[in-house]
Amino acid sequence: MARKGITFAQVAEVCKSLQEAGEPISVRTIQASTGGSMTTVLKHYRLWKEGEGHEPAAGLTISRRLQQALLAELRQTAAKAREGCTAQALLEVNGLRHRLAESERRIAILETALLESDRLRHAQEEELQQLRRHLAETEHLKSLAETRGGSQEQKPAPEKVAEGPTRSKKSKTDKQELPGQEPNLFDF
């Protein structure tokens, strides 16, 4: 036995009566009351629920010209959005390229400074090694001198002989001081 087709009005009437009775509205309850197929009942029930019980207007269509105008507007808007995104992406890429170039420049500067620092450190290490060798030689010579000096007899240092006669008296050629004149400290 074939099922009879049900209409939106029939589903809406059942939904309204169940709502007024305070009973829960379900697709099975509507289907049991109307006898329609579950697919048709579900379709009409959703429309009723969305439209608050009003049947959708029949014959509501959009003209072909309006559809084409809307599609053209949507395509134009989408193209502008893509252009805007592309322009923004290009700006970001250029900014990233600039930052990359700056980073590479900084790396080159730091590498040069590191090489110079390594060169200076190497030169300082060589100089330090030379100073240590010199210090070791000096200490060795000092210890040899102390060893030799301790084994030989200590000889008294010769007395210094005064060179030339010492002047105790003023010679006749010395200037004599006049009263009120200060003595010249550099006259001998």
C-alpha atoms as a PDB file:
ATOM      1  CA  MET A   1       0.000   0.000   0.000  1.00  0.00           C
ATOM      2  CA  ALA A   2       1.511   3.332  -1.078  1.00  0.00           C
ATOM      3  CA  ARG A   3       1.762   6.210   1.346  1.00  0.00           C
ATOM      4  CA  LYS A   4      -0.176   9.312   0.640  1.00  0.00           C
ATOM      5  CA  GLY A   5       1.707  12.602   0.363  1.00  0.00           C
ATOM      6  CA  ILE A   6       1.320  15.074   3.200  1.00  0.00           C
ATOM      7  CA  THR A   7       1.465  18.831   3.033  1.00  0.00           C
ATOM      8  CA  PHE A   8       3.123  21.485   5.107  1.00  0.00           C
ATOM      9  CA  ALA A   9      -0.279  22.564   6.382  1.00  0.00           C
ATOM     10  CA  GLN A  10      -0.991  19.101   7.791  1.00  0.00           C
ATOM     11  CA  VAL A  11       2.365  18.989   9.641  1.00  0.00           C
ATOM     12  CA  ALA A  12       1.895  22.534  10.925  1.00  0.00           C
ATOM     13  CA  GLU A  13      -1.618  21.663  12.240  1.00  0.00           C
ATOM     14  CA  VAL A  14      -0.313  18.602  14.120  1.00  0.00           C
ATOM     15  CA  CYS A  15       2.603  20.612  15.565  1.00  0.00           C
ATOM     16  CA  LYS A  16       0.238  23.389  16.694  1.00  0.00           C
ATOM     17  CA  SER A  17      -2.159  20.954  18.394  1.00  0.00           C
ATOM     18  CA  LEU A  18       0.710  19.151  20.177  1.00  0.00           C
ATOM     19  CA  GLN A  19       2.106  22.517  21.277  1.00  0.00           C
ATOM     20  CA  GLU A  20      -1.270  23.649  22.668  1.00  0.00           C
ATOM     21  CA  ALA A  21      -1.664  20.346  24.512  1.00  0.00           C
ATOM     22  CA  GLY A  22       1.779  20.832  26.063  1.00  0.00           C
ATOM     23  CA  GLU A  23       3.067  17.579  24.643  1.00  0.00           C
ATOM     24  CA  PRO A  24       6.555  17.191  23.204  1.00  0.00           C
ATOM     25  CA  ILE A  25       6.743  17.572  19.450  1.00  0.00           C
ATOM     26  CA  SER A  26       8.774  14.932  17.629  1.00  0.00           C
ATOM     27  CA  VAL A  27       9.025  13.703  14.054  1.00  0.00           C
ATOM     28  CA  ARG A  28       7.696  10.266  15.120  1.00  0.00           C
ATOM     29  CA  THR A  29       4.635  11.806  16.774  1.00  0.00           C
ATOM     30  CA  ILE A  30       3.894  13.904  13.676  1.00  0.00           C
ATOM     31  CA  GLN A  31       4.478  10.891  11.397  1.00  0.00           C
ATOM     32  CA  ALA A  32       2.117   8.754  13.514  1.00  0.00           C
ATOM     33  CA  SER A  33      -0.606  11.424  13.225  1.00  0.00           C
ATOM     34  CA  THR A  34      -0.194  12.251   9.530  1.00  0.00           C
ATOM     35  CA  GLY A  35       0.945   8.909   8.105  1.00  0.00           C
ATOM     36  CA  GLY A  36       3.510  10.567   5.802  1.00  0.00           C
ATOM     37  CA  SER A  37       7.060   9.440   5.187  1.00  0.00           C
ATOM     38  CA  MET A  38       9.712  10.325   7.711  1.00  0.00           C
ATOM     39  CA  THR A  39      11.657  12.345   5.112  1.00  0.00           C
ATOM     40  CA  THR A  40       8.628  14.476   4.162  1.00  0.00           C
ATOM     41  CA  VAL A  41       7.560  14.928   7.792  1.00  0.00           C
ATOM     42  CA  LEU A  42      11.058  15.961   8.777  1.00  0.00           C
ATOM     43  CA  LYS A  43      11.306  18.451   5.898  1.00  0.00           C
ATOM     44  CA  HIS A  44       7.950  20.100   6.778  1.00  0.00           C
ATOM     45  CA  TYR A  45       8.685  20.022  10.519  1.00  0.00           C
ATOM     46  CA  ARG A  46      11.991  21.891  10.010  1.00  0.00           C
ATOM     47  CA  LEU A  47      10.254  24.501   7.858  1.00  0.00           C
ATOM     48  CA  TRP A  48       7.529  24.921  10.485  1.00  0.00           C
ATOM     49  CA  LYS A  49      10.119  25.256  13.257  1.00  0.00           C
ATOM     50  CA  GLU A  50      12.155  27.855  11.305  1.00  0.00           C
ATOM     51  CA  GLY A  51       9.144  29.849  10.114  1.00  0.00           C
ATOM     52  CA  GLU A  52       7.270  29.782  13.418  1.00  0.00           C
ATOM     53  CA  GLY A  53       4.396  27.863  11.857  1.00  0.00           C
ATOM     54  CA  HIS A  54       4.017  29.914   8.658  1.00  0.00           C
ATOM     55  CA  GLU A  55       4.009  28.165   5.328  1.00  0.00           C
ATOM     56  CA  PRO A  56       6.797  29.389   3.045  1.00  0.00           C
ATOM     57  CA  ALA A  57       5.726  31.691   0.288  1.00  0.00           C
ATOM     58  CA  ALA A  58       5.179  29.770  -2.897  1.00  0.00           C
ATOM     59  CA  GLY A  59       6.923  30.909  -6.044  1.00  0.00           C
ATOM     60  CA  LEU A  60       9.545  33.009  -4.269  1.00  0.00           C
ATOM     61  CA  THR A  61      12.397  33.029  -6.759  1.00  0.00           C
ATOM     62  CA  ILE A  62      15.170  35.394  -7.725  1.00  0.00           C
ATOM     63  CA  SER A  63      15.239  36.634 -11.296  1.00  0.00           C
ATOM     64  CA  ARG A  64      18.072  35.529 -13.549  1.00  0.00           C
ATOM     65  CA  ARG A  65      19.340  39.119 -13.929  1.00  0.00           C
ATOM     66  CA  LEU A  66      19.428  39.604 -10.156  1.00  0.00           C
ATOM     67  CA  GLN A  67      21.265  36.316  -9.705  1.00  0.00           C
ATOM     68  CA  GLN A  68      23.872  37.356 -12.282  1.00  0.00           C
ATOM     69  CA  ALA A  69      24.264  40.809 -10.684  1.00  0.00           C
ATOM     70  CA  LEU A  70      24.725  39.235  -7.235  1.00  0.00           C
ATOM     71  CA  LEU A  71      27.254  36.738  -8.580  1.00  0.00           C
ATOM     72  CA  ALA A  72      29.168  39.513 -10.362  1.00  0.00           C
ATOM     73  CA  GLU A  73      29.225  41.568  -7.138  1.00  0.00           C
ATOM     74  CA  LEU A  74      30.409  38.550  -5.135  1.00  0.00           C
ATOM     75  CA  ARG A  75      33.160  37.818  -7.669  1.00  0.00           C
ATOM     76  CA  GLN A  76      34.300  41.451  -7.614  1.00  0.00           C
ATOM     77  CA  THR A  77      34.320  41.502  -3.813  1.00  0.00           C
ATOM     78  CA  ALA A  78      36.248  38.225  -3.722  1.00  0.00           C
ATOM     79  CA  ALA A  79      38.789  39.588  -6.242  1.00  0.00           C
ATOM     80  CA  LYS A  80      39.298  42.749  -4.160  1.00  0.00           C
ATOM     81  CA  ALA A  81      39.716  40.636  -1.056  1.00  0.00           C
ATOM     82  CA  ARG A  82      42.296  38.467  -2.836  1.00  0.00           C
ATOM     83  CA  GLU A  83      44.135  41.583  -4.077  1.00  0.00           C
ATOM     84  CA  GLY A  84      44.110  43.024  -0.571  1.00  0.00           C
ATOM     85  CA  CYS A  85      45.397  39.768   0.837  1.00  0.00           C
ATOM     86  CA  THR A  86      48.021  39.539  -1.893  1.00  0.00           C
ATOM     87  CA  ALA A  87      49.160  43.126  -1.317  1.00  0.00           C
ATOM     88  CA  GLN A  88      49.308  42.528   2.435  1.00  0.00           C
ATOM     89  CA  ALA A  89      51.201  39.290   1.892  1.00  0.00           C
ATOM     90  CA  LEU A  90      53.685  41.078  -0.404  1.00  0.00           C
ATOM     91  CA  LEU A  91      54.246  43.771   2.225  1.00  0.00           C
ATOM     92  CA  GLU A  92      54.880  41.112   4.849  1.00  0.00           C
ATOM     93  CA  VAL A  93      57.244  39.221   2.529  1.00  0.00           C
ATOM     94  CA  ASN A  94      59.178  42.442   1.773  1.00  0.00           C
ATOM     95  CA  GLY A  95      59.367  43.192   5.482  1.00  0.00           C
ATOM     96  CA  LEU A  96      60.651  39.694   6.176  1.00  0.00           C
ATOM     97  CA  ARG A  97      63.226  40.009   3.386  1.00  0.00           C
ATOM     98  CA  HIS A  98      64.434  43.285   4.886  1.00  0.00           C
ATOM     99  CA  ARG A  99      64.700  41.704   8.332  1.00  0.00           C
ATOM    100  CA  LEU A 100      66.550  38.724   6.840  1.00  0.00           C
ATOM    101  CA  ALA A 101      69.042  41.019   5.067  1.00  0.00           C
ATOM    102  CA  GLU A 102      69.571  42.980   8.286  1.00  0.00           C
ATOM    103  CA  SER A 103      70.096  39.766  10.241  1.00  0.00           C
ATOM    104  CA  GLU A 104      72.604  38.509   7.665  1.00  0.00           C
ATOM    105  CA  ARG A 105      74.477  41.830   7.872  1.00  0.00           C
ATOM    106  CA  ARG A 106      74.609  41.591  11.666  1.00  0.00           C
ATOM    107  CA  ILE A 107      75.818  37.994  11.467  1.00  0.00           C
ATOM    108  CA  ALA A 108      78.615  39.042   9.095  1.00  0.00           C
ATOM    109  CA  ILE A 109      79.664  41.827  11.496  1.00  0.00           C
ATOM    110  CA  LEU A 110      79.637  39.447  14.454  1.00  0.00           C
ATOM    111  CA  GLU A 111      81.602  36.811  12.539  1.00  0.00           C
ATOM    112  CA  THR A 112      84.233  39.428  11.638  1.00  0.00           C
ATOM    113  CA  ALA A 113      84.411  40.584  15.256  1.00  0.00           C
ATOM    114  CA  LEU A 114      84.695  36.968  16.420  1.00  0.00           C
ATOM    115  CA  LEU A 115      87.559  36.277  13.990  1.00  0.00           C
ATOM    116  CA  GLU A 116      89.352  39.459  15.140  1.00  0.00           C
ATOM    117  CA  SER A 117      88.795  38.474  18.755  1.00  0.00           C
ATOM    118  CA  ASP A 118      90.208  35.002  18.084  1.00  0.00           C
ATOM    119  CA  ARG A 119      93.233  36.548  16.351  1.00  0.00           C
ATOM    120  CA  LEU A 120      93.855  38.906  19.296  1.00  0.00           C
ATOM    121  CA  ARG A 121      93.395  36.095  21.806  1.00  0.00           C
ATOM    122  CA  HIS A 122      95.887  33.954  19.902  1.00  0.00           C
ATOM    123  CA  ALA A 123      98.426  36.827  19.836  1.00  0.00           C
ATOM    124  CA  GLN A 124      97.925  37.405  23.575  1.00  0.00           C
ATOM    125  CA  GLU A 125      98.409  33.707  24.304  1.00  0.00           C
ATOM    126  CA  GLU A 126     101.678  33.718  22.328  1.00  0.00           C
ATOM    127  CA  GLU A 127     102.858  36.821  24.201  1.00  0.00           C
ATOM    128  CA  LEU A 128     101.912  35.233  27.521  1.00  0.00           C
ATOM    129  CA  GLN A 129     103.879  32.095  26.650  1.00  0.00           C
ATOM    130  CA  GLN A 130     106.918  34.220  25.749  1.00  0.00           C
ATOM    131  CA  LEU A 131     106.646  36.104  29.058  1.00  0.00           C
ATOM    132  CA  ARG A 132     106.395  32.816  30.963  1.00  0.00           C
ATOM    133  CA  ARG A 133     109.498  31.463  29.188  1.00  0.00           C
ATOM    134  CA  HIS A 134     111.354  34.695  29.970  1.00  0.00           C
ATOM    135  CA  LEU A 135     110.241  34.534  33.609  1.00  0.00           C
ATOM    136  CA  ALA A 136     111.344  30.898  33.851  1.00  0.00           C
ATOM    137  CA  GLU A 137     114.770  31.792  32.364  1.00  0.00           C
ATOM    138  CA  THR A 138     115.109  34.737  34.744  1.00  0.00           C
ATOM    139  CA  GLU A 139     114.219  32.607  37.776  1.00  0.00           C
ATOM    140  CA  HIS A 140     116.637  29.916  36.601  1.00  0.00           C
ATOM    141  CA  LEU A 141     119.455  32.435  36.208  1.00  0.00           C
ATOM    142  CA  LYS A 142     118.622  33.929  39.612  1.00  0.00           C
ATOM    143  CA  SER A 143     118.742  30.547  41.287  1.00  0.00           C
ATOM    144  CA  LEU A 144     122.076  29.791  39.555  1.00  0.00           C
ATOM    145  CA  ALA A 145     123.469  33.132  40.720  1.00  0.00           C
ATOM    146  CA  GLU A 146     122.299  32.502  44.274  1.00  0.00           C
ATOM    147  CA  THR A 147     123.784  29.020  44.206  1.00  0.00           C
ATOM    148  CA  ARG A 148     127.142  30.291  42.907  1.00  0.00           C
ATOM    149  CA  GLY A 149     127.121  33.272  45.252  1.00  0.00           C
ATOM    150  CA  GLY A 150     126.540  31.075  48.311  1.00  0.00           C
ATOM    151  CA  SER A 151     129.362  28.636  47.454  1.00  0.00           C
ATOM    152  CA  GLN A 152     132.058  31.310  46.986  1.00  0.00           C
ATOM    153  CA  GLU A 153     133.568  33.144  49.936  1.00  0.00           C
ATOM    154  CA  GLN A 154     132.119  36.426  50.708  1.00  0.00           C
ATOM    155  CA  LYS A 155     134.768  39.031  49.958  1.00  0.00           C
ATOM    156  CA  PRO A 156     134.431  42.372  51.655  1.00  0.00           C
ATOM    157  CA  ALA A 157     133.583  45.153  49.330  1.00  0.00           C
ATOM    158  CA  PRO A 158     136.587  47.421  48.635  1.00  0.00           C
ATOM    159  CA  GLU A 159     136.465  50.741  50.355  1.00  0.00           C
ATOM    160  CA  LYS A 160     135.867  53.699  48.225  1.00  0.00           C
ATOM    161  CA  VAL A 161     138.789  55.953  47.873  1.00  0.00           C
ATOM    162  CA  ALA A 162     137.927  59.577  47.723  1.00  0.00           C
ATOM    163  CA  GLU A 163     138.811  61.066  44.459  1.00  0.00           C
ATOM    164  CA  GLY A 164     140.866  64.201  44.555  1.00  0.00           C
ATOM    165  CA  PRO A 165     141.451  66.522  47.503  1.00  0.00           C
ATOM    166  CA  THR A 166     138.478  67.731  49.436  1.00  0.00           C
ATOM    167  CA  ARG A 167     138.103  71.391  50.043  1.00  0.00           C
ATOM    168  CA  SER A 168     137.634  72.352  53.577  1.00  0.00           C
ATOM    169  CA  LYS A 169     138.564  75.930  53.351  1.00  0.00           C
ATOM    170  CA  LYS A 170     137.409  78.464  50.914  1.00  0.00           C
ATOM    171  CA  SER A 171     139.895  79.261  48.296  1.00  0.00           C
ATOM    172  CA  LYS A 172     140.916  82.745  47.457  1.00  0.00           C
ATOM    173  CA  THR A 173     139.125  82.545  44.214  1.00  0.00           C
ATOM    174  CA  ASP A 174     135.777  81.906  45.902  1.00  0.00           C
ATOM    175  CA  LYS A 175     133.515  84.845  45.997  1.00  0.00           C
ATOM    176  CA  GLN A 176     133.052  86.405  49.243  1.00  0.00           C
ATOM    177  CA  GLU A 177     129.664  87.194  50.512  1.00  0.00           C
ATOM    178  CA  LEU A 178     128.719  90.768  50.925  1.00  0.00           C
ATOM    179  CA  PRO A 179     126.618  91.814  53.861  1.00  0.00           C
ATOM    180  CA  GLY A 180     122.909  91.629  53.004  1.00  0.00           C
ATOM    181  CA  GLN A 181     123.523  89.217  50.157  1.00  0.00           C
ATOM    182  CA  GLU A 182     122.371  85.661  50.353  1.00  0.00           C
ATOM    183  CA  PRO A 183     124.928  82.964  49.873  1.00  0.00           C
ATOM    184  CA  ASN A 184     124.943  81.237  46.476  1.00  0.00           C
ATOM    185  CA  LEU A 185     124.240  77.606  47.074  1.00  0.00           C
ATOM    186  CA  PHE A 186     125.878  76.450  43.889  1.00  0.00           C
ATOM    187  CA  ASP A 187     129.297  77.968  44.537  1.00  0.00           C
ATOM    188  CA  PHE A 188     131.820  75.432  45.686  1.00  0.00           C
END
